[in-house]
């Protein structure tokens, strides 16, 4: 994913890393579903996943680890 695109779709409190992971997981699901159905995709799975995120068809849930401050 291109950095400027991520900057446009992320909210200030969201992590770019979390976005990349969420998009990658969804793209993998799209690819696996297409393979099971023996469909040929017109677009790349990552592009489909990004469009789904932009149009609020999927959402990203970030878990906050309260012990992150303890890392040294």
N, C-alpha and C. Protein backbone atom coordinates (compact mmCIF):
# COMPACT_ATOMS: atom_id res chain seq x y z
N UNK A 1 0.85 -1.17 0.00
CA UNK A 1 0.00 0.00 0.00
C UNK A 1 0.90 1.23 0.00
N UNK A 2 0.54 2.19 -0.78
CA UNK A 2 1.33 3.40 -0.90
C UNK A 2 1.07 4.30 0.30
N UNK A 3 2.14 4.85 0.88
CA UNK A 3 2.04 5.65 2.09
C UNK A 3 1.04 6.81 2.00
N UNK A 4 1.05 7.62 0.94
CA UNK A 4 0.08 8.73 0.88
C UNK A 4 -1.37 8.27 0.90
N UNK A 5 -1.67 7.13 0.32
CA UNK A 5 -3.04 6.61 0.35
C UNK A 5 -3.42 6.27 1.79
N UNK A 6 -2.52 5.64 2.51
CA UNK A 6 -2.79 5.30 3.91
C UNK A 6 -3.04 6.56 4.72
N UNK A 7 -2.27 7.61 4.47
CA UNK A 7 -2.45 8.87 5.20
C UNK A 7 -3.84 9.47 4.94
N UNK A 8 -4.38 9.25 3.76
CA UNK A 8 -5.69 9.82 3.43
C UNK A 8 -6.85 9.06 4.07
N UNK A 9 -6.71 7.76 4.29
CA UNK A 9 -7.84 6.99 4.79
C UNK A 9 -7.76 6.68 6.28
N UNK A 10 -6.62 6.96 6.91
CA UNK A 10 -6.48 6.70 8.34
C UNK A 10 -7.00 7.87 9.16
N UNK A 11 -7.59 7.56 10.29
CA UNK A 11 -7.96 8.58 11.26
C UNK A 11 -6.71 8.85 12.10
N UNK A 12 -6.60 10.02 12.70
CA UNK A 12 -5.39 10.36 13.46
C UNK A 12 -5.01 9.36 14.55
N UNK A 13 -5.99 8.73 15.18
CA UNK A 13 -5.69 7.80 16.28
C UNK A 13 -5.38 6.38 15.80
N UNK A 14 -5.45 6.13 14.49
CA UNK A 14 -5.23 4.80 13.96
C UNK A 14 -3.78 4.60 13.52
N UNK A 15 -3.35 3.37 13.61
CA UNK A 15 -1.99 2.99 13.26
C UNK A 15 -1.91 2.52 11.81
N UNK A 16 -0.87 2.95 11.11
CA UNK A 16 -0.65 2.50 9.73
C UNK A 16 -0.40 0.99 9.71
N UNK A 17 0.32 0.50 10.70
CA UNK A 17 0.61 -0.94 10.80
C UNK A 17 -0.69 -1.73 10.89
N UNK A 18 -1.61 -1.29 11.73
CA UNK A 18 -2.89 -1.98 11.89
C UNK A 18 -3.69 -1.98 10.60
N UNK A 19 -3.64 -0.86 9.88
CA UNK A 19 -4.34 -0.78 8.59
C UNK A 19 -3.77 -1.79 7.60
N UNK A 20 -2.46 -1.87 7.52
CA UNK A 20 -1.82 -2.80 6.59
C UNK A 20 -2.19 -4.24 6.93
N UNK A 21 -2.17 -4.57 8.21
CA UNK A 21 -2.52 -5.93 8.64
C UNK A 21 -3.98 -6.24 8.30
N UNK A 22 -4.88 -5.29 8.59
CA UNK A 22 -6.31 -5.49 8.32
C UNK A 22 -6.57 -5.67 6.83
N UNK A 23 -5.93 -4.84 6.00
CA UNK A 23 -6.11 -4.94 4.54
C UNK A 23 -5.54 -6.26 4.03
N UNK A 24 -4.39 -6.66 4.55
CA UNK A 24 -3.77 -7.92 4.11
C UNK A 24 -4.64 -9.11 4.47
N UNK A 25 -5.20 -9.12 5.68
CA UNK A 25 -6.07 -10.23 6.08
C UNK A 25 -7.31 -10.30 5.19
N UNK A 26 -7.92 -9.15 4.93
CA UNK A 26 -9.12 -9.13 4.08
C UNK A 26 -8.78 -9.55 2.65
N UNK A 27 -7.65 -9.08 2.14
CA UNK A 27 -7.23 -9.45 0.78
C UNK A 27 -7.02 -10.96 0.68
N UNK A 28 -6.46 -11.56 1.72
CA UNK A 28 -6.26 -13.01 1.74
C UNK A 28 -7.61 -13.72 1.72
N UNK A 29 -8.58 -13.21 2.49
CA UNK A 29 -9.92 -13.81 2.48
C UNK A 29 -10.56 -13.72 1.11
N UNK A 30 -10.44 -12.57 0.47
CA UNK A 30 -11.00 -12.37 -0.87
C UNK A 30 -10.39 -13.36 -1.85
N UNK A 31 -9.08 -13.50 -1.78
CA UNK A 31 -8.37 -14.41 -2.68
C UNK A 31 -8.80 -15.86 -2.46
N UNK A 32 -8.92 -16.25 -1.19
CA UNK A 32 -9.32 -17.63 -0.88
C UNK A 32 -10.76 -17.90 -1.32
N UNK A 33 -11.65 -16.93 -1.11
CA UNK A 33 -13.04 -17.08 -1.53
C UNK A 33 -13.14 -17.22 -3.04
N UNK A 34 -12.38 -16.42 -3.76
CA UNK A 34 -12.40 -16.48 -5.23
C UNK A 34 -11.86 -17.82 -5.71
N UNK A 35 -10.84 -18.31 -5.04
CA UNK A 35 -10.26 -19.60 -5.43
C UNK A 35 -11.26 -20.74 -5.19
N UNK A 36 -11.96 -20.70 -4.05
CA UNK A 36 -12.96 -21.74 -3.76
C UNK A 36 -14.09 -21.74 -4.79
N UNK A 37 -14.49 -20.54 -5.22
CA UNK A 37 -15.58 -20.41 -6.18
C UNK A 37 -15.08 -20.51 -7.62
N UNK A 38 -13.77 -20.64 -7.78
CA UNK A 38 -13.13 -20.70 -9.09
C UNK A 38 -13.46 -19.47 -9.94
N UNK A 39 -13.42 -18.31 -9.27
CA UNK A 39 -13.67 -17.03 -9.94
C UNK A 39 -12.34 -16.38 -10.32
N UNK A 40 -12.38 -15.64 -11.38
CA UNK A 40 -11.23 -14.84 -11.78
C UNK A 40 -11.55 -13.40 -11.40
N UNK A 41 -10.68 -12.81 -10.59
CA UNK A 41 -10.90 -11.45 -10.12
C UNK A 41 -10.42 -10.44 -11.16
N UNK A 42 -11.21 -9.41 -11.39
CA UNK A 42 -10.82 -8.34 -12.31
C UNK A 42 -9.83 -7.38 -11.65
N UNK A 43 -9.94 -7.24 -10.34
CA UNK A 43 -9.04 -6.37 -9.59
C UNK A 43 -8.20 -7.22 -8.64
N UNK A 44 -7.10 -6.64 -8.19
CA UNK A 44 -6.26 -7.33 -7.21
C UNK A 44 -6.98 -7.36 -5.87
N UNK A 45 -6.81 -8.43 -5.11
CA UNK A 45 -7.49 -8.54 -3.82
C UNK A 45 -7.19 -7.38 -2.87
N UNK A 46 -5.98 -6.85 -2.90
CA UNK A 46 -5.63 -5.73 -2.02
C UNK A 46 -6.44 -4.49 -2.40
N UNK A 47 -6.60 -4.25 -3.68
CA UNK A 47 -7.38 -3.09 -4.13
C UNK A 47 -8.84 -3.24 -3.70
N UNK A 48 -9.38 -4.45 -3.81
CA UNK A 48 -10.76 -4.70 -3.38
C UNK A 48 -10.89 -4.44 -1.88
N UNK A 49 -9.93 -4.93 -1.11
CA UNK A 49 -9.96 -4.75 0.34
C UNK A 49 -9.87 -3.27 0.72
N UNK A 50 -9.02 -2.52 0.05
CA UNK A 50 -8.90 -1.08 0.33
C UNK A 50 -10.22 -0.38 0.02
N UNK A 51 -10.83 -0.71 -1.11
CA UNK A 51 -12.11 -0.10 -1.47
C UNK A 51 -13.20 -0.45 -0.45
N UNK A 52 -13.19 -1.69 0.03
CA UNK A 52 -14.15 -2.07 1.06
C UNK A 52 -13.95 -1.25 2.33
N UNK A 53 -12.70 -1.03 2.69
CA UNK A 53 -12.41 -0.23 3.89
C UNK A 53 -12.85 1.22 3.70
N UNK A 54 -12.55 1.79 2.55
CA UNK A 54 -12.91 3.18 2.27
C UNK A 54 -14.43 3.36 2.30
N UNK A 55 -15.16 2.37 1.78
CA UNK A 55 -16.62 2.45 1.71
C UNK A 55 -17.31 1.85 2.94
N UNK A 56 -16.54 1.62 4.01
CA UNK A 56 -17.04 1.16 5.31
C UNK A 56 -17.74 -0.20 5.23
N UNK A 57 -17.32 -1.05 4.30
CA UNK A 57 -17.87 -2.41 4.24
C UNK A 57 -17.13 -3.32 5.21
N UNK A 58 -15.91 -2.95 5.55
CA UNK A 58 -15.14 -3.63 6.59
C UNK A 58 -14.60 -2.55 7.52
N UNK A 59 -14.25 -2.95 8.73
CA UNK A 59 -13.67 -1.98 9.65
C UNK A 59 -12.49 -2.62 10.36
N UNK A 60 -11.66 -1.77 10.89
CA UNK A 60 -10.46 -2.21 11.57
C UNK A 60 -10.67 -2.03 13.07
N UNK A 61 -10.35 -3.05 13.84
CA UNK A 61 -10.45 -2.98 15.29
C UNK A 61 -9.04 -3.10 15.86
N UNK A 62 -8.61 -2.06 16.54
CA UNK A 62 -7.28 -2.07 17.14
C UNK A 62 -7.41 -2.38 18.62
N UNK A 63 -6.62 -3.33 19.07
CA UNK A 63 -6.59 -3.64 20.49
C UNK A 63 -5.43 -2.89 21.13
N UNK A 64 -5.72 -2.23 22.22
CA UNK A 64 -4.68 -1.48 22.92
C UNK A 64 -4.18 -2.35 24.06
N UNK A 65 -2.87 -2.55 24.10
CA UNK A 65 -2.26 -3.36 25.15
C UNK A 65 -1.85 -2.43 26.29
N UNK A 66 -2.46 -2.56 27.45
CA UNK A 66 -2.13 -1.66 28.55
C UNK A 66 -0.71 -1.82 29.06
N UNK A 67 -0.03 -2.91 28.73
CA UNK A 67 1.34 -3.14 29.20
C UNK A 67 2.39 -2.58 28.26
N UNK A 68 2.02 -1.85 27.22
CA UNK A 68 2.99 -1.32 26.27
C UNK A 68 3.96 -0.35 26.94
N UNK A 69 3.55 0.33 27.99
CA UNK A 69 4.42 1.29 28.67
C UNK A 69 5.54 0.59 29.43
N UNK A 70 5.37 -0.70 29.71
CA UNK A 70 6.35 -1.44 30.51
C UNK A 70 7.53 -1.93 29.68
N UNK A 71 7.45 -1.81 28.36
CA UNK A 71 8.53 -2.30 27.49
C UNK A 71 9.75 -1.41 27.61
N UNK A 72 10.91 -2.04 27.65
CA UNK A 72 12.17 -1.27 27.70
C UNK A 72 13.10 -1.73 26.63
